[in-house]
C-alpha atoms as a PDB file:
ATOM      1  CA  MET A   1      -0.670  -5.987   8.473  1.00  0.00           C
ATOM      2  CA  ASP A   2       2.721  -5.129  10.096  1.00  0.00           C
ATOM      3  CA  ALA A   3       4.247  -8.227   8.767  1.00  0.00           C
ATOM      4  CA  GLN A   4       2.921  -7.636   5.275  1.00  0.00           C
ATOM      5  CA  PHE A   5       4.352  -4.075   5.403  1.00  0.00           C
ATOM      6  CA  GLU A   6       7.750  -5.404   6.399  1.00  0.00           C
ATOM      7  CA  LYS A   7       7.738  -7.586   3.354  1.00  0.00           C
ATOM      8  CA  LEU A   8       7.087  -4.532   1.285  1.00  0.00           C
ATOM      9  CA  VAL A   9      10.039  -2.762   2.906  1.00  0.00           C
ATOM     10  CA  LYS A  10      12.295  -5.740   2.030  1.00  0.00           C
ATOM     11  CA  MET A  11      11.128  -5.753  -1.522  1.00  0.00           C
ATOM     12  CA  GLY A  12      11.636  -1.943  -1.715  1.00  0.00           C
ATOM     13  CA  LYS A  13       7.952  -1.418  -2.305  1.00  0.00           C
ATOM     14  CA  ASN A  14       7.040   0.778   0.672  1.00  0.00           C
ATOM     15  CA  THR A  15       6.871   3.715  -1.666  1.00  0.00           C
ATOM     16  CA  LEU A  16       3.919   6.078  -1.990  1.00  0.00           C
ATOM     17  CA  ASP A  17       2.864   4.555  -5.262  1.00  0.00           C
ATOM     18  CA  GLY A  18       3.442   0.891  -3.932  1.00  0.00           C
ATOM     19  CA  LEU A  19       1.141   1.684  -0.717  1.00  0.00           C
ATOM     20  CA  ILE A  20      -1.540   3.373  -2.990  1.00  0.00           C
ATOM     21  CA  GLN A  21      -1.612   0.200  -5.122  1.00  0.00           C
ATOM     22  CA  TRP A  22      -1.914  -1.986  -2.079  1.00  0.00           C
ATOM     23  CA  MET A  23      -4.755   0.144  -0.724  1.00  0.00           C
ATOM     24  CA  LYS A  24      -6.388  -0.136  -4.181  1.00  0.00           C
ATOM     25  CA  ASP A  25      -5.958  -3.918  -4.395  1.00  0.00           C
ATOM     26  CA  ALA A  26      -7.586  -4.171  -0.822  1.00  0.00           C
ATOM     27  CA  LYS A  27     -10.449  -1.959  -1.841  1.00  0.00           C
ATOM     28  CA  ILE A  28      -9.744   0.818   0.789  1.00  0.00           C
ATOM     29  CA  ILE A  29      -9.182   3.209  -2.122  1.00  0.00           C
ATOM     30  CA  ASP A  30     -12.545   2.499  -3.954  1.00  0.00           C
ATOM     31  CA  GLY A  31     -12.692   5.632  -6.091  1.00  0.00           C
ATOM     32  CA  ILE A  32     -15.857   6.836  -4.348  1.00  0.00           C
ATOM     33  CA  LYS A  33     -15.636   7.125  -0.667  1.00  0.00           C
ATOM     34  CA  VAL A  34     -11.842   7.002  -0.673  1.00  0.00           C
ATOM     35  CA  THR A  35     -10.062   8.353  -3.857  1.00  0.00           C
ATOM     36  CA  GLU A  36      -6.459   7.979  -4.844  1.00  0.00           C
ATOM     37  CA  GLU A  37      -6.373  11.787  -4.802  1.00  0.00           C
ATOM     38  CA  LYS A  38      -7.462  11.981  -1.152  1.00  0.00           C
ATOM     39  CA  ALA A  39      -5.073   9.240  -0.168  1.00  0.00           C
ATOM     40  CA  ARG A  40      -2.144  11.097  -1.768  1.00  0.00           C
ATOM     41  CA  GLU A  41      -3.395  14.233  -0.016  1.00  0.00           C
ATOM     42  CA  VAL A  42      -3.233  12.481   3.314  1.00  0.00           C
ATOM     43  CA  PHE A  43       0.236  11.139   2.478  1.00  0.00           C
ATOM     44  CA  SER A  44       1.429  14.651   1.511  1.00  0.00           C
ATOM     45  CA  GLU A  45       3.389  15.277   4.697  1.00  0.00           C
ATOM     46  CA  THR A  46       5.442  12.207   4.024  1.00  0.00           C
ATOM     47  CA  THR A  47       9.016  13.258   4.016  1.00  0.00           C
ATOM     48  CA  ASP A  48      10.218  10.618   1.698  1.00  0.00           C
ATOM     49  CA  PRO A  49       7.625   9.181  -0.744  1.00  0.00           C
ATOM     50  CA  LYS A  50      10.131   6.590  -1.880  1.00  0.00           C
ATOM     51  CA  ASN A  51      10.514   5.171   1.634  1.00  0.00           C
ATOM     52  CA  VAL A  52       7.257   5.497   3.808  1.00  0.00           C
ATOM     53  CA  ASN A  53       7.736   4.099   7.193  1.00  0.00           C
ATOM     54  CA  LEU A  54       5.117   2.050   9.120  1.00  0.00           C
ATOM     55  CA  GLU A  55       4.226   4.838  11.525  1.00  0.00           C
ATOM     56  CA  LYS A  56       3.406   7.254   8.871  1.00  0.00           C
ATOM     57  CA  PHE A  57       1.357   4.515   6.929  1.00  0.00           C
ATOM     58  CA  LYS A  58      -0.689   3.828  10.075  1.00  0.00           C
ATOM     59  CA  GLU A  59      -1.156   7.631  10.480  1.00  0.00           C
ATOM     60  CA  VAL A  60      -2.619   7.783   6.991  1.00  0.00           C
ATOM     61  CA  LEU A  61      -4.882   4.814   7.533  1.00  0.00           C
ATOM     62  CA  THR A  62      -6.148   6.254  10.842  1.00  0.00           C
ATOM     63  CA  LYS A  63      -7.030   9.424   9.005  1.00  0.00           C
ATOM     64  CA  LEU A  64      -8.705   7.658   6.107  1.00  0.00           C
ATOM     65  CA  ALA A  65     -10.623   5.305   8.459  1.00  0.00           C
ATOM     66  CA  THR A  66     -11.793   8.387  10.614  1.00  0.00           C
ATOM     67  CA  ASP A  67     -12.913  10.116   7.453  1.00  0.00           C
ATOM     68  CA  GLN A  68     -14.969   6.987   6.574  1.00  0.00           C
ATOM     69  CA  LYS A  69     -16.434   6.508  10.086  1.00  0.00           C
ATOM     70  CA  LYS A  70     -14.573   3.070  10.143  1.00  0.00           C
ATOM     71  CA  THR A  71     -12.085   1.792  12.507  1.00  0.00           C
ATOM     72  CA  VAL A  72      -8.375   1.549  11.622  1.00  0.00           C
ATOM     73  CA  GLU A  73      -8.618  -2.110  12.532  1.00  0.00           C
ATOM     74  CA  GLU A  74     -11.011  -2.766   9.743  1.00  0.00           C
ATOM     75  CA  PHE A  75      -8.561  -1.110   7.272  1.00  0.00           C
ATOM     76  CA  THR A  76      -5.452  -2.971   8.739  1.00  0.00           C
ATOM     77  CA  LYS A  77      -7.366  -6.438   8.696  1.00  0.00           C
ATOM     78  CA  THR A  78      -8.330  -5.728   5.031  1.00  0.00           C
ATOM     79  CA  LEU A  79      -4.631  -4.834   4.166  1.00  0.00           C
ATOM     80  CA  ALA A  80      -3.400  -8.023   6.014  1.00  0.00           C
ATOM     81  CA  ASP A  81      -5.745 -10.136   4.072  1.00  0.00           C
ATOM     82  CA  GLU A  82      -4.753  -8.654   0.728  1.00  0.00           C
ATOM     83  CA  GLY A  83      -1.150  -8.392   1.555  1.00  0.00           C
ATOM     84  CA  PRO A  84       0.148 -11.961   0.607  1.00  0.00           C
ATOM     85  CA  LYS A  85      -1.657 -11.567  -2.875  1.00  0.00           C
ATOM     86  CA  PHE A  86      -0.147  -8.132  -3.511  1.00  0.00           C
ATOM     87  CA  ALA A  87       3.274  -9.417  -2.536  1.00  0.00           C
ATOM     88  CA  ASP A  88       2.886 -12.468  -4.830  1.00  0.00           C
ATOM     89  CA  ALA A  89       1.762 -10.049  -7.563  1.00  0.00           C
ATOM     90  CA  LEU A  90       4.790  -7.834  -7.097  1.00  0.00           C
ATOM     91  CA  LYS A  91       7.063 -10.933  -7.196  1.00  0.00           C
ATOM     92  CA  ALA A  92       5.510 -12.248 -10.343  1.00  0.00           C
ATOM     93  CA  GLY A  93       5.843  -8.899 -12.051  1.00  0.00           C
ATOM     94  CA  ALA A  94       9.567  -8.603 -11.160  1.00  0.00           C
ATOM     95  CA  SER A  95      10.180 -12.249 -12.343  1.00  0.00           C
ATOM     96  CA  ALA A  96       8.454 -11.531 -15.691  1.00  0.00           C
ATOM     97  CA  LEU A  97      10.563  -8.289 -16.035  1.00  0.00           C
ATOM     98  CA  LYS A  98      13.730 -10.206 -15.370  1.00  0.00           C
ATOM     99  CA  ASP A  99      12.737 -12.858 -17.806  1.00  0.00           C
ATOM    100  CA  ALA A 100      11.959 -10.284 -20.538  1.00  0.00           C
ATOM    101  CA  LEU A 101      15.227  -8.505 -19.951  1.00  0.00           C
ATOM    102  CA  SER A 102      17.340 -11.686 -20.059  1.00  0.00           C
ATOM    103  CA  LYS A 103      15.944 -12.564 -23.508  1.00  0.00           C
ATOM    104  CA  LYS A 104      17.170  -9.333 -25.100  1.00  0.00           C
END
């Protein structure tokens, strides 16, 4: 998961919204046991929501995992598995936006 997080940092997507989306795509935020509202609440102590560091992200995952009686390892494995798909989707979106803007 650390490597996937570093890719998000390089793409500038280690924002609160970017990490929430990654957790949604990985089904950690499922809307039932873990809601987006709950995740944002746990992130509330983040000093810079536009630049979340790995240590803070791991703290959030630990808190959410504990609340769900799961291990943080389960969450990090899920995120690691989902990470490449999420990064590819971000790249595709950026490419489509670039193409759309170049046509104007």
